[in-house]
């Protein structure tokens, strides 16, 4: 497949997800069998058998590309590395743990293309996990974080932490890069004059491995991150300039 033929770049950040990736890659391939796409898995410094598995999967799936970080840089930087390497006009992002359902991707792509056709500033959809398949501590911390974030940032997104997103790749690459930015994509795009809308998606129990986030490294740092993003958005200016020919 040539670069000109690729319309969708699917990016999956993965940190020690050896037990989940084989089935996830197969599901993505099946879901996008009718779509000219590439799959980019970013190995974020995994210490398990992820690297060896990705080498094997790369020989089986010609649409698969592998990007590796020498050291763990975090989910946001992994997604950004994949987006920078991508060649499609549309960027699809989903988590590597298998909780996001690849079967949701075709409908999200179709809706984004239809809803945002002819609009330069309506650029994507973000999943809304209406029924969460996490333990009560994670659900509670996510609910509190979403309420707090929504009150300060006013992005109108009920589930900004959902990993499943469909967004124009050129707009994604305009965003400021910082750790944990993946939780604020709708607000950051809105500050640039663009818009994302929520879309109900399936959420599945984790099938293997362990979560990389808990109250200590997700909830409390997230509260501080919201203040930082609030400050950043208040300083953001969108300027349209045209060359003057007097």
Protein backbone atom coordinates (compact mmCIF):
# COMPACT_ATOMS: atom_id res chain seq x y z
CA UNK A 1 0.00 0.00 0.00
CA UNK A 2 1.44 3.37 -1.00
CA UNK A 3 1.47 6.43 1.21
CA UNK A 4 -1.09 8.10 -1.06
CA UNK A 5 -3.53 5.22 -0.52
CA UNK A 6 -3.43 5.29 3.30
CA UNK A 7 -6.43 7.20 4.66
CA UNK A 8 -6.35 6.17 8.33
CA UNK A 9 -3.49 5.84 10.80
CA UNK A 10 -4.37 3.74 13.85
CA UNK A 11 -2.05 4.38 16.80
CA UNK A 12 -1.88 2.08 19.83
CA UNK A 13 0.41 3.02 22.75
CA UNK A 14 1.64 -0.10 24.54
CA UNK A 15 3.58 -0.54 27.76
CA UNK A 16 4.05 -4.17 28.86
CA UNK A 17 0.93 -5.38 27.01
CA UNK A 18 2.40 -8.61 25.60
CA UNK A 19 -0.65 -10.66 26.57
CA UNK A 20 -3.16 -8.30 24.94
CA UNK A 21 -1.61 -7.17 21.67
CA UNK A 22 -1.96 -10.27 19.47
CA UNK A 23 -5.74 -10.41 19.80
CA UNK A 24 -6.02 -6.61 19.60
CA UNK A 25 -4.06 -6.46 16.33
CA UNK A 26 -6.28 -9.17 14.85
CA UNK A 27 -9.44 -7.31 15.93
CA UNK A 28 -8.24 -4.02 14.45
CA UNK A 29 -7.39 -5.75 11.18
CA UNK A 30 -10.84 -7.32 11.02
CA UNK A 31 -12.63 -4.08 11.90
CA UNK A 32 -10.78 -2.10 9.23
CA UNK A 33 -10.62 -4.79 6.53
CA UNK A 34 -12.42 -2.46 4.09
CA UNK A 35 -10.39 0.62 5.04
CA UNK A 36 -7.03 1.72 3.59
CA UNK A 37 -5.15 1.98 6.88
CA UNK A 38 -1.91 1.48 8.72
CA UNK A 39 -1.54 0.27 12.30
CA UNK A 40 1.24 1.85 14.35
CA UNK A 41 2.00 0.30 17.73
CA UNK A 42 4.31 2.38 19.90
CA UNK A 43 6.24 0.23 22.37
CA UNK A 44 6.78 2.64 25.25
CA UNK A 45 9.87 1.04 26.79
CA UNK A 46 8.21 -2.29 27.59
CA UNK A 47 10.10 -4.71 29.83
CA UNK A 48 8.08 -7.84 29.08
CA UNK A 49 7.90 -9.77 25.81
CA UNK A 50 6.19 -6.97 23.87
CA UNK A 51 9.17 -6.25 21.59
CA UNK A 52 9.55 -9.88 20.52
CA UNK A 53 5.81 -10.26 20.00
CA UNK A 54 5.64 -7.13 17.83
CA UNK A 55 8.46 -8.47 15.67
CA UNK A 56 6.46 -11.64 15.07
CA UNK A 57 3.21 -9.73 14.43
CA UNK A 58 4.99 -7.45 11.97
CA UNK A 59 5.81 -10.45 9.81
CA UNK A 60 2.18 -11.59 9.86
CA UNK A 61 0.42 -8.25 9.32
CA UNK A 62 1.76 -6.08 6.48
CA UNK A 63 -0.16 -3.00 7.69
CA UNK A 64 1.61 -3.07 11.07
CA UNK A 65 4.40 -0.61 11.83
CA UNK A 66 6.30 -0.61 15.12
CA UNK A 67 7.81 2.41 16.85
CA UNK A 68 9.88 1.89 19.99
CA UNK A 69 10.84 4.24 22.80
CA UNK A 70 14.15 3.36 24.40
CA UNK A 71 12.67 4.33 27.77
CA UNK A 72 9.12 4.77 29.01
CA UNK A 73 7.94 8.27 28.08
CA UNK A 74 4.27 7.90 29.01
CA UNK A 75 1.04 7.37 27.10
CA UNK A 76 0.78 10.90 25.73
CA UNK A 77 4.26 10.86 24.20
CA UNK A 78 3.67 7.36 22.79
CA UNK A 79 0.52 8.53 21.00
CA UNK A 80 2.32 11.62 19.72
CA UNK A 81 5.23 9.53 18.38
CA UNK A 82 2.74 7.38 16.48
CA UNK A 83 0.85 10.38 15.14
CA UNK A 84 4.07 11.95 13.89
CA UNK A 85 4.97 8.76 12.06
CA UNK A 86 1.49 8.34 10.59
CA UNK A 87 0.54 9.01 6.98
CA UNK A 88 -3.25 9.01 7.07
CA UNK A 89 -5.49 12.06 7.10
CA UNK A 90 -7.47 10.56 9.97
CA UNK A 91 -5.89 9.47 13.25
CA UNK A 92 -7.51 6.72 15.33
CA UNK A 93 -6.17 6.17 18.85
CA UNK A 94 -7.03 3.34 21.21
CA UNK A 95 -5.44 1.81 24.29
CA UNK A 96 -3.24 -1.27 24.13
CA UNK A 97 -4.97 -3.13 26.97
CA UNK A 98 -7.91 -4.31 24.86
CA UNK A 99 -10.58 -2.46 26.83
CA UNK A 100 -11.42 -0.21 23.87
CA UNK A 101 -13.39 -2.19 21.29
CA UNK A 102 -12.01 -1.96 17.71
CA UNK A 103 -15.50 -2.80 16.44
CA UNK A 104 -16.47 0.80 17.31
CA UNK A 105 -13.92 2.30 14.90
CA UNK A 106 -15.76 1.96 11.54
CA UNK A 107 -18.88 3.70 12.84
CA UNK A 108 -16.83 6.48 14.40
CA UNK A 109 -14.91 7.02 11.18
CA UNK A 110 -18.09 7.09 9.12
CA UNK A 111 -19.76 9.51 11.52
CA UNK A 112 -16.73 11.81 11.66
CA UNK A 113 -16.47 11.94 7.88
CA UNK A 114 -20.19 12.58 7.46
CA UNK A 115 -20.70 15.00 10.32
CA UNK A 116 -17.58 17.04 9.70
CA UNK A 117 -17.58 17.07 5.89
CA UNK A 118 -16.98 20.59 4.64
CA UNK A 119 -16.14 21.91 8.11
CA UNK A 120 -12.55 22.97 8.69
CA UNK A 121 -13.02 23.23 12.46
CA UNK A 122 -15.08 20.17 13.45
CA UNK A 123 -12.33 17.63 13.55
CA UNK A 124 -13.15 14.50 15.51
CA UNK A 125 -14.98 12.24 17.96
CA UNK A 126 -13.98 10.94 21.38
CA UNK A 127 -15.47 7.82 22.91
CA UNK A 128 -17.87 7.96 25.83
CA UNK A 129 -17.73 4.75 27.88
CA UNK A 130 -21.35 4.78 28.99
CA UNK A 131 -20.95 1.48 30.88
CA UNK A 132 -17.54 1.24 32.52
CA UNK A 133 -15.90 -2.15 33.09
CA UNK A 134 -13.44 -1.02 35.78
CA UNK A 135 -13.39 -1.46 39.54
CA UNK A 136 -15.27 1.04 41.68
CA UNK A 137 -12.15 2.96 42.73
CA UNK A 138 -11.22 3.70 39.12
CA UNK A 139 -14.81 4.57 38.22
CA UNK A 140 -15.11 6.94 41.18
CA UNK A 141 -11.78 8.67 40.54
CA UNK A 142 -12.64 9.03 36.84
CA UNK A 143 -16.07 10.51 37.67
CA UNK A 144 -14.59 13.02 40.09
CA UNK A 145 -11.83 13.97 37.65
CA UNK A 146 -14.30 14.47 34.81
CA UNK A 147 -16.54 16.69 36.95
CA UNK A 148 -13.58 18.76 38.11
CA UNK A 149 -12.09 19.03 34.62
CA UNK A 150 -15.42 19.93 33.06
CA UNK A 151 -16.06 22.67 35.62
CA UNK A 152 -12.71 24.34 34.97
CA UNK A 153 -12.23 23.72 31.26
CA UNK A 154 -15.83 23.67 30.03
CA UNK A 155 -15.11 21.33 27.12
CA UNK A 156 -18.52 19.62 27.27
CA UNK A 157 -16.96 16.14 27.14
CA UNK A 158 -18.36 13.58 29.65
CA UNK A 159 -15.44 11.11 29.39
CA UNK A 160 -12.24 12.89 28.41
CA UNK A 161 -10.15 9.96 29.67
CA UNK A 162 -11.47 7.52 27.05
CA UNK A 163 -8.58 6.23 24.97
CA UNK A 164 -10.64 5.73 21.80
CA UNK A 165 -10.54 8.79 19.57
CA UNK A 166 -10.99 9.61 15.88
CA UNK A 167 -9.49 12.96 14.93
CA UNK A 168 -7.94 14.74 11.99
CA UNK A 169 -4.22 14.03 12.27
CA UNK A 170 -3.11 17.48 11.08
CA UNK A 171 -5.06 19.12 13.90
CA UNK A 172 -3.69 16.67 16.49
CA UNK A 173 -0.15 17.56 15.49
CA UNK A 174 -0.83 21.25 16.14
CA UNK A 175 -1.39 20.67 19.85
CA UNK A 176 1.16 21.51 22.55
CA UNK A 177 3.04 18.42 23.69
CA UNK A 178 3.29 17.63 27.40
CA UNK A 179 2.94 14.64 29.71
CA UNK A 180 -0.69 13.54 30.18
CA UNK A 181 -1.91 15.69 27.28
CA UNK A 182 -3.99 12.73 26.05
CA UNK A 183 -6.56 13.49 28.78
CA UNK A 184 -7.18 17.00 27.47
CA UNK A 185 -7.40 16.61 23.69
CA UNK A 186 -10.94 18.08 23.30
CA UNK A 187 -10.08 21.14 25.43
CA UNK A 188 -6.77 21.70 23.64
CA UNK A 189 -8.44 21.43 20.23
CA UNK A 190 -11.18 23.82 21.31
CA UNK A 191 -8.55 26.39 22.27
CA UNK A 192 -7.22 26.13 18.71
CA UNK A 193 -10.67 26.80 17.27
CA UNK A 194 -11.58 23.17 16.59
CA UNK A 195 -14.20 20.88 18.09
CA UNK A 196 -14.57 17.25 19.18
CA UNK A 197 -17.86 15.55 20.01
CA UNK A 198 -18.56 12.56 22.30
CA UNK A 199 -19.65 9.22 20.82
CA UNK A 200 -20.97 6.26 22.87
CA UNK A 201 -18.63 3.26 22.73
CA UNK A 202 -18.28 -0.18 24.22
CA UNK A 203 -15.92 -0.73 27.14
CA UNK A 204 -14.56 -4.16 27.95
CA UNK A 205 -12.97 -5.67 31.05
CA UNK A 206 -9.19 -5.87 30.97
CA UNK A 207 -8.37 -9.34 29.66
CA UNK A 208 -4.70 -9.53 30.63
CA UNK A 209 -1.94 -7.55 32.29
CA UNK A 210 -2.35 -4.86 34.92
CA UNK A 211 -3.41 -1.23 34.77
CA UNK A 212 -0.61 1.34 34.64
CA UNK A 213 -2.75 3.92 36.46
CA UNK A 214 -4.08 4.19 39.98
CA UNK A 215 -5.14 6.87 42.43
CA UNK A 216 -1.53 7.81 43.18
CA UNK A 217 -0.36 8.38 39.61
CA UNK A 218 -3.64 9.28 37.91
CA UNK A 219 -6.14 11.06 40.14
CA UNK A 220 -3.98 13.41 42.21
CA UNK A 221 -1.56 14.41 39.41
CA UNK A 222 -4.62 14.84 37.19
CA UNK A 223 -6.03 17.52 39.48
CA UNK A 224 -2.83 19.54 39.10
CA UNK A 225 -2.76 18.92 35.35
CA UNK A 226 -6.21 20.50 35.00
CA UNK A 227 -4.92 23.70 36.61
CA UNK A 228 -1.96 23.73 34.23
CA UNK A 229 -4.19 23.21 31.20
CA UNK A 230 -6.62 25.89 32.47
CA UNK A 231 -3.70 28.33 32.59
CA UNK A 232 -2.50 27.26 29.14
CA UNK A 233 -5.94 27.69 27.58
CA UNK A 234 -6.28 31.18 29.02
CA UNK A 235 -2.99 32.11 27.33
CA UNK A 236 -3.77 30.50 23.97
CA UNK A 237 -4.54 32.83 21.08
CA UNK A 238 -5.71 31.86 17.60
CA UNK A 239 -4.56 34.38 15.02
CA UNK A 240 -5.54 34.30 11.35
CA UNK A 241 -2.97 36.15 9.26
CA UNK A 242 -2.93 36.94 5.57
CA UNK A 243 -0.09 38.32 3.54
CA UNK A 244 -0.75 41.96 2.70
CA UNK A 245 -0.03 43.08 -0.81
CA UNK A 246 -0.43 46.85 -0.73
